[in-house]
Amino acid sequence: EFIIVSPPAKLVQVAALEGTLPRKLSESHRRLLLTWNGLNLEVVRLLGAPPVREGVDPIPKWQRVIPPRHSLWIAIGTDPAGFLYAEDEDGSVWSIDHDGGAETRLAFSLDEFIGVYIFGTRAAEFGGDSWRDDLVTYGVLPTA
């Protein structure tokens, strides 16, 4: 079920956020915040620049969970299973497992993570068959 979309961030929000982060946001991340300042969906929660709509988490809440050895990574999302998603300084998106801390590169860019992994051809791998089926139902993905 598609739940909460936070209104687009303003440039001043993004600038204030960047002042609290270890580096500037990637252009893809900046565009995302200026379009959707956070999403809370069934299978993923994309973080926003404060202030965000109730039900959407701000980036700083999760930034403190980034492992110290990855000081330039920026938190971009979480999921109900407890994974944290982060963008590294080269733009790749990683999952960090809350249980054991295992890190896995999921995509080489935020655009790939969103367009292919969450809402595209790898949607079933990310959110399961029911997530992929929901995307087909809502017209995000074509029928198989």
C-alpha atoms as a PDB file:
ATOM      1  CA  GLU A   1       0.000   0.000   0.000  1.00  0.00           C
ATOM      2  CA  PHE A   2       1.374   3.415  -0.944  1.00  0.00           C
ATOM      3  CA  ILE A   3       1.280   5.419   2.269  1.00  0.00           C
ATOM      4  CA  ILE A   4       2.916   8.833   2.706  1.00  0.00           C
ATOM      5  CA  VAL A   5       4.633  11.258   0.349  1.00  0.00           C
ATOM      6  CA  SER A   6       6.168  14.350   1.924  1.00  0.00           C
ATOM      7  CA  PRO A   7       5.837  17.600  -0.074  1.00  0.00           C
ATOM      8  CA  PRO A   8       8.928  18.670  -2.040  1.00  0.00           C
ATOM      9  CA  ALA A   9      11.737  20.203   0.005  1.00  0.00           C
ATOM     10  CA  LYS A  10      12.620  23.830  -0.488  1.00  0.00           C
ATOM     11  CA  LEU A  11      16.158  24.793  -1.475  1.00  0.00           C
ATOM     12  CA  VAL A  12      16.667  26.347   1.960  1.00  0.00           C
ATOM     13  CA  GLN A  13      15.798  22.995   3.613  1.00  0.00           C
ATOM     14  CA  VAL A  14      18.278  21.148   1.421  1.00  0.00           C
ATOM     15  CA  ALA A  15      20.999  23.722   2.130  1.00  0.00           C
ATOM     16  CA  ALA A  16      20.364  23.495   5.881  1.00  0.00           C
ATOM     17  CA  LEU A  17      20.492  19.703   5.716  1.00  0.00           C
ATOM     18  CA  GLU A  18      23.776  19.747   3.805  1.00  0.00           C
ATOM     19  CA  GLY A  19      25.252  21.873   6.577  1.00  0.00           C
ATOM     20  CA  THR A  20      24.731  18.949   8.977  1.00  0.00           C
ATOM     21  CA  LEU A  21      26.084  16.228   6.681  1.00  0.00           C
ATOM     22  CA  PRO A  22      29.663  15.067   6.061  1.00  0.00           C
ATOM     23  CA  ARG A  23      29.489  16.149   2.397  1.00  0.00           C
ATOM     24  CA  LYS A  24      27.176  17.718  -0.147  1.00  0.00           C
ATOM     25  CA  LEU A  25      24.310  15.635  -1.481  1.00  0.00           C
ATOM     26  CA  SER A  26      24.685  14.030  -4.885  1.00  0.00           C
ATOM     27  CA  GLU A  27      22.706  15.709  -7.663  1.00  0.00           C
ATOM     28  CA  SER A  28      20.395  12.669  -7.794  1.00  0.00           C
ATOM     29  CA  HIS A  29      19.703  12.890  -4.067  1.00  0.00           C
ATOM     30  CA  ARG A  30      19.137  16.629  -4.274  1.00  0.00           C
ATOM     31  CA  ARG A  31      16.651  16.130  -7.161  1.00  0.00           C
ATOM     32  CA  LEU A  32      14.845  13.448  -5.173  1.00  0.00           C
ATOM     33  CA  LEU A  33      14.389  15.724  -2.161  1.00  0.00           C
ATOM     34  CA  LEU A  34      13.209  18.595  -4.351  1.00  0.00           C
ATOM     35  CA  THR A  35      10.629  16.239  -5.917  1.00  0.00           C
ATOM     36  CA  TRP A  36       9.645  13.926  -3.025  1.00  0.00           C
ATOM     37  CA  ASN A  37      11.001  15.021   0.315  1.00  0.00           C
ATOM     38  CA  GLY A  38      10.692  11.545   1.715  1.00  0.00           C
ATOM     39  CA  LEU A  39       8.370   8.615   1.082  1.00  0.00           C
ATOM     40  CA  ASN A  40       6.940   5.998   3.391  1.00  0.00           C
ATOM     41  CA  LEU A  41       5.899   3.019   1.303  1.00  0.00           C
ATOM     42  CA  GLU A  42       5.074  -0.562   2.113  1.00  0.00           C
ATOM     43  CA  VAL A  43       8.595  -1.860   1.527  1.00  0.00           C
ATOM     44  CA  VAL A  44      10.870   1.175   1.867  1.00  0.00           C
ATOM     45  CA  ARG A  45      11.062   4.521   3.594  1.00  0.00           C
ATOM     46  CA  LEU A  46      13.053   7.173   1.765  1.00  0.00           C
ATOM     47  CA  LEU A  47      14.284   9.845   4.156  1.00  0.00           C
ATOM     48  CA  GLY A  48      13.721  13.585   3.787  1.00  0.00           C
ATOM     49  CA  ALA A  49      15.227  16.972   4.633  1.00  0.00           C
ATOM     50  CA  PRO A  50      13.685  18.312   7.850  1.00  0.00           C
ATOM     51  CA  PRO A  51      10.998  19.253   8.447  1.00  0.00           C
ATOM     52  CA  VAL A  52       9.118  16.339   6.881  1.00  0.00           C
ATOM     53  CA  ARG A  53       5.513  15.212   6.995  1.00  0.00           C
ATOM     54  CA  GLU A  54       4.537  13.011   9.935  1.00  0.00           C
ATOM     55  CA  GLY A  55       5.285   9.402   9.109  1.00  0.00           C
ATOM     56  CA  VAL A  56       8.413  10.263   7.088  1.00  0.00           C
ATOM     57  CA  ASP A  57      11.777  10.173   8.848  1.00  0.00           C
ATOM     58  CA  PRO A  58      14.351  12.949   8.425  1.00  0.00           C
ATOM     59  CA  ILE A  59      17.833  12.074   7.201  1.00  0.00           C
ATOM     60  CA  PRO A  60      19.611  13.245  10.398  1.00  0.00           C
ATOM     61  CA  LYS A  61      17.679  10.693  12.496  1.00  0.00           C
ATOM     62  CA  TRP A  62      19.364   7.872  10.583  1.00  0.00           C
ATOM     63  CA  GLN A  63      22.651   9.571   9.658  1.00  0.00           C
ATOM     64  CA  ARG A  64      23.957   8.875  13.158  1.00  0.00           C
ATOM     65  CA  VAL A  65      23.548   5.121  12.512  1.00  0.00           C
ATOM     66  CA  ILE A  66      26.008   5.131   9.590  1.00  0.00           C
ATOM     67  CA  PRO A  67      29.098   3.143  10.659  1.00  0.00           C
ATOM     68  CA  PRO A  68      32.021   5.449  11.548  1.00  0.00           C
ATOM     69  CA  ARG A  69      34.267   3.756   8.963  1.00  0.00           C
ATOM     70  CA  HIS A  70      31.926   5.188   6.290  1.00  0.00           C
ATOM     71  CA  SER A  71      32.163   8.798   7.372  1.00  0.00           C
ATOM     72  CA  LEU A  72      31.142  10.158   3.940  1.00  0.00           C
ATOM     73  CA  TRP A  73      28.077   7.958   3.431  1.00  0.00           C
ATOM     74  CA  ILE A  74      24.655   9.607   3.641  1.00  0.00           C
ATOM     75  CA  ALA A  75      21.545   7.819   4.896  1.00  0.00           C
ATOM     76  CA  ILE A  76      18.822   7.686   2.236  1.00  0.00           C
ATOM     77  CA  GLY A  77      16.313   5.147   3.522  1.00  0.00           C
ATOM     78  CA  THR A  78      15.244   2.277   5.742  1.00  0.00           C
ATOM     79  CA  ASP A  79      12.896  -0.669   5.441  1.00  0.00           C
ATOM     80  CA  PRO A  80      10.608  -2.628   7.774  1.00  0.00           C
ATOM     81  CA  ALA A  81      13.142  -5.468   7.995  1.00  0.00           C
ATOM     82  CA  GLY A  82      15.624  -3.101   9.637  1.00  0.00           C
ATOM     83  CA  PHE A  83      17.972  -2.375   6.758  1.00  0.00           C
ATOM     84  CA  LEU A  84      19.489   1.076   6.395  1.00  0.00           C
ATOM     85  CA  TYR A  85      20.238   2.340   2.889  1.00  0.00           C
ATOM     86  CA  ALA A  86      23.065   4.775   2.291  1.00  0.00           C
ATOM     87  CA  GLU A  87      24.708   6.517  -0.634  1.00  0.00           C
ATOM     88  CA  ASP A  88      28.507   6.481  -0.664  1.00  0.00           C
ATOM     89  CA  GLU A  89      30.712   9.312  -1.868  1.00  0.00           C
ATOM     90  CA  ASP A  90      30.836   7.801  -5.383  1.00  0.00           C
ATOM     91  CA  GLY A  91      27.025   7.618  -5.628  1.00  0.00           C
ATOM     92  CA  SER A  92      26.589   3.864  -5.076  1.00  0.00           C
ATOM     93  CA  VAL A  93      23.737   2.743  -2.830  1.00  0.00           C
ATOM     94  CA  TRP A  94      24.422   0.211  -0.092  1.00  0.00           C
ATOM     95  CA  SER A  95      22.250  -1.742   2.323  1.00  0.00           C
ATOM     96  CA  ILE A  96      23.458  -2.109   5.891  1.00  0.00           C
ATOM     97  CA  ASP A  97      21.938  -5.017   7.830  1.00  0.00           C
ATOM     98  CA  HIS A  98      20.959  -3.978  11.352  1.00  0.00           C
ATOM     99  CA  ASP A  99      21.569  -7.466  12.756  1.00  0.00           C
ATOM    100  CA  GLY A 100      25.115  -8.214  11.728  1.00  0.00           C
ATOM    101  CA  GLY A 101      26.167  -5.036   9.947  1.00  0.00           C
ATOM    102  CA  ALA A 102      26.682  -6.778   6.600  1.00  0.00           C
ATOM    103  CA  GLU A 103      26.968  -4.278   3.763  1.00  0.00           C
ATOM    104  CA  THR A 104      25.844  -4.969   0.213  1.00  0.00           C
ATOM    105  CA  ARG A 105      26.082  -2.704  -2.817  1.00  0.00           C
ATOM    106  CA  LEU A 106      22.619  -2.670  -4.398  1.00  0.00           C
ATOM    107  CA  ALA A 107      23.075  -0.117  -7.160  1.00  0.00           C
ATOM    108  CA  PHE A 108      25.745   2.077  -8.693  1.00  0.00           C
ATOM    109  CA  SER A 109      23.539   5.191  -8.388  1.00  0.00           C
ATOM    110  CA  LEU A 110      20.516   6.483  -6.530  1.00  0.00           C
ATOM    111  CA  ASP A 111      18.641   6.661  -9.838  1.00  0.00           C
ATOM    112  CA  GLU A 112      19.338   2.954 -10.438  1.00  0.00           C
ATOM    113  CA  PHE A 113      18.331   2.081  -6.865  1.00  0.00           C
ATOM    114  CA  ILE A 114      14.967   3.816  -7.230  1.00  0.00           C
ATOM    115  CA  GLY A 115      14.258   3.215 -10.917  1.00  0.00           C
ATOM    116  CA  VAL A 116      15.442  -0.381 -11.211  1.00  0.00           C
ATOM    117  CA  TYR A 117      15.654  -1.870  -7.726  1.00  0.00           C
ATOM    118  CA  ILE A 118      12.593  -0.397  -5.982  1.00  0.00           C
ATOM    119  CA  PHE A 119      10.256   0.471  -8.870  1.00  0.00           C
ATOM    120  CA  GLY A 120      11.715  -1.442 -11.809  1.00  0.00           C
ATOM    121  CA  THR A 121      12.803  -4.817 -13.072  1.00  0.00           C
ATOM    122  CA  ARG A 122      14.354  -5.832  -9.723  1.00  0.00           C
ATOM    123  CA  ALA A 123      11.282  -4.845  -7.653  1.00  0.00           C
ATOM    124  CA  ALA A 124      10.434  -8.449  -6.740  1.00  0.00           C
ATOM    125  CA  GLU A 125      14.008  -8.993  -5.566  1.00  0.00           C
ATOM    126  CA  PHE A 126      13.716  -5.904  -3.369  1.00  0.00           C
ATOM    127  CA  GLY A 127      10.190  -6.086  -1.995  1.00  0.00           C
ATOM    128  CA  GLY A 128       8.929  -9.536  -2.916  1.00  0.00           C
ATOM    129  CA  ASP A 129       6.394 -10.738  -5.449  1.00  0.00           C
ATOM    130  CA  SER A 130       3.491  -8.940  -3.767  1.00  0.00           C
ATOM    131  CA  TRP A 131       5.361  -5.609  -4.055  1.00  0.00           C
ATOM    132  CA  ARG A 132       6.026  -6.249  -7.746  1.00  0.00           C
ATOM    133  CA  ASP A 133       2.376  -7.236  -8.231  1.00  0.00           C
ATOM    134  CA  ASP A 134       1.266  -3.985  -6.530  1.00  0.00           C
ATOM    135  CA  LEU A 135       3.491  -2.018  -8.906  1.00  0.00           C
ATOM    136  CA  VAL A 136       1.859  -3.787 -11.859  1.00  0.00           C
ATOM    137  CA  THR A 137      -1.610  -3.096 -10.427  1.00  0.00           C
ATOM    138  CA  TYR A 138      -0.820   0.618 -10.008  1.00  0.00           C
ATOM    139  CA  GLY A 139       0.661   0.821 -13.524  1.00  0.00           C
ATOM    140  CA  VAL A 140       4.246   1.441 -12.401  1.00  0.00           C
ATOM    141  CA  LEU A 141       5.437  -1.776 -14.045  1.00  0.00           C
ATOM    142  CA  PRO A 142       4.035  -3.446 -17.161  1.00  0.00           C
ATOM    143  CA  THR A 143       2.260  -6.775 -16.847  1.00  0.00           C
ATOM    144  CA  ALA A 144       4.605  -9.744 -17.182  1.00  0.00           C
END
